[in-house]
Amino acid sequence: MRVQLSDQRWDEVLGGQLTAPDSRRFSRRTTRTKRREGDDPIAAGAPLVLYYWAGGQLEWFDAADAAQQWRAVRVHVTSQEPRPTGDVEWTVGRWEDERGQPLLLLTGHC
C-alpha cells in the first residue's frame, strides 16, 4: 500500500512523531541508520516513509510496496552527512510504535 500522508503529518515528523494510516503512533529512535541495518526490518515487513520537503513528498509504503521502494532508494542511502552533489540522498531514521514495531523514515537531502 502506498499513501500520500496529509499536510498535518509534516509537523508531526518535525516533532519526532508520526501517525500511520492505521492510527498507530510512531516515535523517532535514531536518525542515522546504515543501509544494512535497514534491510532486516524491511524484509520483516516494516513500513517505510519517504520524507522530502523540497519535493513535497511524505509518502507511506508498507508490505511489498515498502520492499520495492527500499530496493529503489537503498543505493542512495548514506549514514554520513549527505554530499551536495545535486542528486537526492537519503538518511534513514528508525522509528518505533508503542509495541516496539519498527518503521524506517527516509529523509531526502539534495
N, C-alpha and C. Protein backbone atom coordinates (compact mmCIF):
# COMPACT_ATOMS: atom_id res chain seq x y z
N MET A 1 0.84 -1.18 0.00
CA MET A 1 0.00 0.00 0.00
C MET A 1 0.89 1.24 0.00
N ARG A 2 0.51 2.20 -0.79
CA ARG A 2 1.22 3.47 -0.89
C ARG A 2 0.21 4.57 -0.58
N VAL A 3 0.56 5.45 0.39
CA VAL A 3 -0.37 6.51 0.80
C VAL A 3 0.38 7.83 0.89
N GLN A 4 -0.15 8.86 0.26
CA GLN A 4 0.37 10.22 0.43
C GLN A 4 -0.19 10.73 1.75
N LEU A 5 0.68 11.02 2.71
CA LEU A 5 0.22 11.48 4.02
C LEU A 5 -0.20 12.94 3.97
N SER A 6 -1.08 13.32 4.85
CA SER A 6 -1.65 14.67 4.84
C SER A 6 -0.64 15.72 5.31
N ASP A 7 -0.96 16.97 5.01
CA ASP A 7 -0.09 18.09 5.38
C ASP A 7 0.15 18.17 6.88
N GLN A 8 -0.83 17.81 7.70
CA GLN A 8 -0.66 17.91 9.15
C GLN A 8 0.44 16.98 9.65
N ARG A 9 0.76 15.94 8.91
CA ARG A 9 1.80 15.00 9.32
C ARG A 9 3.19 15.60 9.21
N TRP A 10 3.36 16.66 8.38
CA TRP A 10 4.67 17.31 8.26
C TRP A 10 5.15 17.79 9.63
N ASP A 11 4.25 18.45 10.36
CA ASP A 11 4.61 18.96 11.68
C ASP A 11 4.91 17.82 12.65
N GLU A 12 4.18 16.72 12.54
CA GLU A 12 4.43 15.57 13.40
C GLU A 12 5.85 15.07 13.21
N VAL A 13 6.28 14.93 11.95
CA VAL A 13 7.61 14.41 11.67
C VAL A 13 8.67 15.32 12.28
N LEU A 14 8.49 16.62 12.13
CA LEU A 14 9.46 17.56 12.71
C LEU A 14 9.54 17.42 14.22
N GLY A 15 8.46 17.04 14.86
CA GLY A 15 8.41 16.86 16.30
C GLY A 15 8.79 15.46 16.76
N GLY A 16 9.19 14.59 15.82
CA GLY A 16 9.63 13.25 16.18
C GLY A 16 8.51 12.25 16.39
N GLN A 17 7.33 12.54 15.87
CA GLN A 17 6.17 11.65 15.97
C GLN A 17 5.57 11.48 14.57
N LEU A 18 4.85 10.38 14.37
CA LEU A 18 4.14 10.19 13.12
C LEU A 18 2.97 9.25 13.37
N THR A 19 1.80 9.66 12.88
CA THR A 19 0.62 8.80 12.96
C THR A 19 0.45 8.09 11.62
N ALA A 20 0.44 6.77 11.68
CA ALA A 20 0.32 5.94 10.48
C ALA A 20 -1.12 5.97 9.96
N PRO A 21 -1.32 5.56 8.72
CA PRO A 21 -2.68 5.48 8.18
C PRO A 21 -3.61 4.59 9.00
N ASP A 22 -3.04 3.60 9.72
CA ASP A 22 -3.87 2.73 10.57
C ASP A 22 -3.96 3.26 12.01
N SER A 23 -3.57 4.50 12.23
CA SER A 23 -3.65 5.23 13.51
C SER A 23 -2.60 4.85 14.55
N ARG A 24 -1.66 3.96 14.22
CA ARG A 24 -0.55 3.70 15.15
C ARG A 24 0.33 4.93 15.22
N ARG A 25 0.89 5.19 16.42
CA ARG A 25 1.79 6.33 16.62
C ARG A 25 3.22 5.83 16.68
N PHE A 26 4.07 6.41 15.87
CA PHE A 26 5.49 6.08 15.85
C PHE A 26 6.29 7.25 16.40
N SER A 27 7.39 6.94 17.07
CA SER A 27 8.31 7.94 17.62
C SER A 27 9.71 7.67 17.10
N ARG A 28 10.44 8.75 16.87
CA ARG A 28 11.82 8.64 16.38
C ARG A 28 12.71 8.02 17.45
N ARG A 29 13.54 7.05 17.05
CA ARG A 29 14.52 6.42 17.94
C ARG A 29 15.94 6.77 17.53
N THR A 30 16.22 6.72 16.23
CA THR A 30 17.54 7.08 15.71
C THR A 30 17.35 7.90 14.44
N THR A 31 18.38 8.67 14.09
CA THR A 31 18.30 9.47 12.86
C THR A 31 19.31 9.03 11.81
N ARG A 32 20.25 8.20 12.19
CA ARG A 32 21.26 7.74 11.23
C ARG A 32 21.41 6.23 11.32
N THR A 33 20.75 5.56 10.43
CA THR A 33 20.80 4.10 10.35
C THR A 33 21.53 3.73 9.06
N LYS A 34 22.38 2.75 9.12
CA LYS A 34 23.12 2.31 7.93
C LYS A 34 22.23 1.46 7.05
N ARG A 35 22.58 1.40 5.76
CA ARG A 35 21.81 0.62 4.79
C ARG A 35 21.53 -0.79 5.28
N ARG A 36 22.58 -1.49 5.66
CA ARG A 36 22.41 -2.90 6.03
C ARG A 36 21.53 -3.06 7.26
N GLU A 37 21.45 -2.02 8.13
CA GLU A 37 20.59 -2.07 9.30
C GLU A 37 19.12 -1.87 8.92
N GLY A 38 18.87 -1.38 7.73
CA GLY A 38 17.51 -1.23 7.25
C GLY A 38 16.98 -2.46 6.53
N ASP A 39 17.87 -3.31 6.10
CA ASP A 39 17.45 -4.49 5.32
C ASP A 39 16.53 -5.42 6.11
N ASP A 40 16.92 -5.76 7.34
CA ASP A 40 16.14 -6.73 8.12
C ASP A 40 14.74 -6.23 8.47
N PRO A 41 14.59 -4.98 8.96
CA PRO A 41 13.21 -4.54 9.24
C PRO A 41 12.31 -4.54 8.01
N ILE A 42 12.86 -4.11 6.88
CA ILE A 42 12.05 -4.11 5.65
C ILE A 42 11.71 -5.54 5.25
N ALA A 43 12.67 -6.46 5.33
CA ALA A 43 12.40 -7.86 4.98
C ALA A 43 11.35 -8.47 5.91
N ALA A 44 11.30 -7.96 7.16
CA ALA A 44 10.32 -8.47 8.12
C ALA A 44 8.96 -7.77 8.01
N GLY A 45 8.83 -6.82 7.08
CA GLY A 45 7.53 -6.18 6.85
C GLY A 45 7.36 -4.81 7.43
N ALA A 46 8.45 -4.17 7.88
CA ALA A 46 8.33 -2.81 8.44
C ALA A 46 7.90 -1.83 7.35
N PRO A 47 7.06 -0.86 7.71
CA PRO A 47 6.71 0.19 6.76
C PRO A 47 7.88 1.13 6.51
N LEU A 48 7.80 1.87 5.43
CA LEU A 48 8.82 2.82 5.04
C LEU A 48 8.12 4.13 4.69
N VAL A 49 8.71 5.25 5.12
CA VAL A 49 8.17 6.57 4.80
C VAL A 49 9.25 7.37 4.12
N LEU A 50 8.91 8.01 2.99
CA LEU A 50 9.81 8.94 2.32
C LEU A 50 9.39 10.35 2.67
N TYR A 51 10.33 11.10 3.25
CA TYR A 51 10.09 12.48 3.69
C TYR A 51 11.09 13.37 2.98
N TYR A 52 10.61 14.14 2.04
CA TYR A 52 11.49 15.00 1.25
C TYR A 52 10.79 16.34 1.08
N TRP A 53 11.16 17.30 1.94
CA TRP A 53 10.44 18.59 1.96
C TRP A 53 10.58 19.34 0.65
N ALA A 54 11.76 19.27 0.01
CA ALA A 54 11.96 20.03 -1.23
C ALA A 54 11.08 19.51 -2.36
N GLY A 55 10.71 18.25 -2.29
CA GLY A 55 9.85 17.67 -3.32
C GLY A 55 8.41 17.54 -2.89
N GLY A 56 8.08 18.04 -1.68
CA GLY A 56 6.71 17.94 -1.19
C GLY A 56 6.28 16.50 -1.00
N GLN A 57 7.21 15.64 -0.62
CA GLN A 57 6.94 14.20 -0.55
C GLN A 57 6.90 13.73 0.90
N LEU A 58 5.78 13.19 1.30
CA LEU A 58 5.62 12.49 2.58
C LEU A 58 4.72 11.30 2.27
N GLU A 59 5.37 10.19 1.92
CA GLU A 59 4.63 9.02 1.46
C GLU A 59 4.91 7.81 2.34
N TRP A 60 3.85 7.08 2.60
CA TRP A 60 3.87 5.85 3.40
C TRP A 60 3.83 4.66 2.47
N PHE A 61 4.71 3.67 2.71
CA PHE A 61 4.72 2.43 1.96
C PHE A 61 4.72 1.29 2.96
N ASP A 62 3.95 0.25 2.71
CA ASP A 62 4.05 -0.94 3.55
C ASP A 62 3.96 -2.18 2.67
N ALA A 63 4.21 -3.31 3.30
CA ALA A 63 4.18 -4.62 2.64
C ALA A 63 5.12 -4.63 1.43
N ALA A 64 4.65 -5.18 0.32
CA ALA A 64 5.50 -5.32 -0.87
C ALA A 64 5.93 -3.96 -1.41
N ASP A 65 5.10 -2.94 -1.25
CA ASP A 65 5.46 -1.60 -1.74
C ASP A 65 6.66 -1.04 -0.97
N ALA A 66 6.73 -1.31 0.34
CA ALA A 66 7.88 -0.85 1.14
C ALA A 66 9.15 -1.54 0.68
N ALA A 67 9.09 -2.84 0.44
CA ALA A 67 10.27 -3.57 -0.02
C ALA A 67 10.72 -3.08 -1.39
N GLN A 68 9.79 -2.84 -2.28
CA GLN A 68 10.12 -2.35 -3.62
C GLN A 68 10.75 -0.96 -3.54
N GLN A 69 10.19 -0.09 -2.73
CA GLN A 69 10.71 1.27 -2.60
C GLN A 69 12.10 1.24 -1.95
N TRP A 70 12.30 0.38 -0.95
CA TRP A 70 13.61 0.26 -0.30
C TRP A 70 14.67 -0.16 -1.33
N ARG A 71 14.35 -1.11 -2.17
CA ARG A 71 15.30 -1.53 -3.21
C ARG A 71 15.64 -0.37 -4.15
N ALA A 72 14.68 0.47 -4.43
CA ALA A 72 14.89 1.59 -5.35
C ALA A 72 15.77 2.69 -4.75
N VAL A 73 15.64 2.95 -3.46
CA VAL A 73 16.38 4.08 -2.86
C VAL A 73 17.60 3.65 -2.07
N ARG A 74 17.73 2.37 -1.77
CA ARG A 74 18.80 1.88 -0.89
C ARG A 74 20.18 2.36 -1.33
N VAL A 75 20.47 2.35 -2.60
CA VAL A 75 21.77 2.76 -3.12
C VAL A 75 22.06 4.23 -2.82
N HIS A 76 21.04 5.03 -2.58
CA HIS A 76 21.20 6.46 -2.32
C HIS A 76 21.15 6.80 -0.83
N VAL A 77 21.20 5.76 0.01
CA VAL A 77 21.17 5.96 1.46
C VAL A 77 22.58 6.19 1.99
N THR A 78 22.73 7.18 2.85
CA THR A 78 24.00 7.46 3.50
C THR A 78 23.78 7.61 4.99
N SER A 79 24.74 7.16 5.77
CA SER A 79 24.66 7.37 7.22
C SER A 79 25.55 8.53 7.63
N GLN A 80 26.25 9.11 6.65
CA GLN A 80 27.10 10.27 6.88
C GLN A 80 26.32 11.53 6.51
N GLU A 81 26.96 12.67 6.66
CA GLU A 81 26.36 13.92 6.20
C GLU A 81 26.21 13.84 4.68
N PRO A 82 25.01 14.08 4.15
CA PRO A 82 24.82 13.99 2.69
C PRO A 82 25.75 14.94 1.94
N ARG A 83 26.23 14.49 0.79
CA ARG A 83 27.12 15.30 -0.05
C ARG A 83 26.28 16.21 -0.94
N PRO A 84 26.71 17.44 -1.14
CA PRO A 84 25.96 18.37 -2.00
C PRO A 84 26.23 18.10 -3.49
N THR A 85 25.77 16.98 -3.99
CA THR A 85 26.04 16.60 -5.37
C THR A 85 24.92 16.99 -6.33
N GLY A 86 23.79 17.38 -5.80
CA GLY A 86 22.67 17.69 -6.66
C GLY A 86 21.67 16.56 -6.75
N ASP A 87 22.12 15.32 -6.51
CA ASP A 87 21.22 14.18 -6.50
C ASP A 87 20.62 14.03 -5.11
N VAL A 88 19.44 13.47 -5.03
CA VAL A 88 18.81 13.24 -3.74
C VAL A 88 19.51 12.07 -3.06
N GLU A 89 19.93 12.30 -1.82
CA GLU A 89 20.46 11.25 -0.97
C GLU A 89 19.52 11.14 0.22
N TRP A 90 19.50 9.97 0.84
CA TRP A 90 18.57 9.71 1.93
C TRP A 90 19.32 9.32 3.19
N THR A 91 18.89 9.87 4.31
CA THR A 91 19.32 9.35 5.61
C THR A 91 18.13 8.58 6.18
N VAL A 92 18.44 7.54 6.93
CA VAL A 92 17.39 6.65 7.43
C VAL A 92 17.29 6.76 8.94
N GLY A 93 16.10 7.03 9.41
CA GLY A 93 15.83 7.01 10.84
C GLY A 93 14.99 5.80 11.19
N ARG A 94 15.29 5.23 12.34
CA ARG A 94 14.47 4.12 12.83
C ARG A 94 13.46 4.70 13.82
N TRP A 95 12.20 4.44 13.57
CA TRP A 95 11.11 4.88 14.42
C TRP A 95 10.42 3.63 14.95
N GLU A 96 9.73 3.74 16.07
CA GLU A 96 9.02 2.60 16.64
C GLU A 96 7.66 3.02 17.16
N ASP A 97 6.71 2.06 17.09
CA ASP A 97 5.40 2.31 17.69
C ASP A 97 5.45 1.92 19.17
N GLU A 98 4.30 1.97 19.84
CA GLU A 98 4.22 1.70 21.28
C GLU A 98 4.67 0.28 21.64
N ARG A 99 4.55 -0.64 20.70
CA ARG A 99 4.92 -2.04 20.94
C ARG A 99 6.35 -2.34 20.51
N GLY A 100 7.07 -1.33 20.03
CA GLY A 100 8.44 -1.53 19.57
C GLY A 100 8.57 -1.99 18.13
N GLN A 101 7.46 -1.96 17.38
CA GLN A 101 7.50 -2.35 15.97
C GLN A 101 8.14 -1.22 15.16
N PRO A 102 9.10 -1.55 14.27
CA PRO A 102 9.85 -0.51 13.57
C PRO A 102 9.16 0.06 12.34
N LEU A 103 9.61 1.24 12.00
CA LEU A 103 9.28 1.94 10.77
C LEU A 103 10.59 2.60 10.35
N LEU A 104 10.89 2.62 9.06
CA LEU A 104 12.03 3.36 8.56
C LEU A 104 11.54 4.63 7.91
N LEU A 105 12.06 5.77 8.37
CA LEU A 105 11.71 7.06 7.79
C LEU A 105 12.96 7.58 7.09
N LEU A 106 12.87 7.72 5.77
CA LEU A 106 13.97 8.20 4.97
C LEU A 106 13.77 9.68 4.70
N THR A 107 14.77 10.47 5.05
CA THR A 107 14.73 11.92 4.83
C THR A 107 15.60 12.25 3.63
N GLY A 108 15.01 12.90 2.64
CA GLY A 108 15.73 13.25 1.42
C GLY A 108 16.51 14.53 1.57
N HIS A 109 17.72 14.54 1.04
CA HIS A 109 18.62 15.70 1.06
C HIS A 109 19.14 15.88 -0.36
N CYS A 110 19.28 17.15 -0.78
CA CYS A 110 19.91 17.39 -2.08
C CYS A 110 20.88 18.54 -1.98
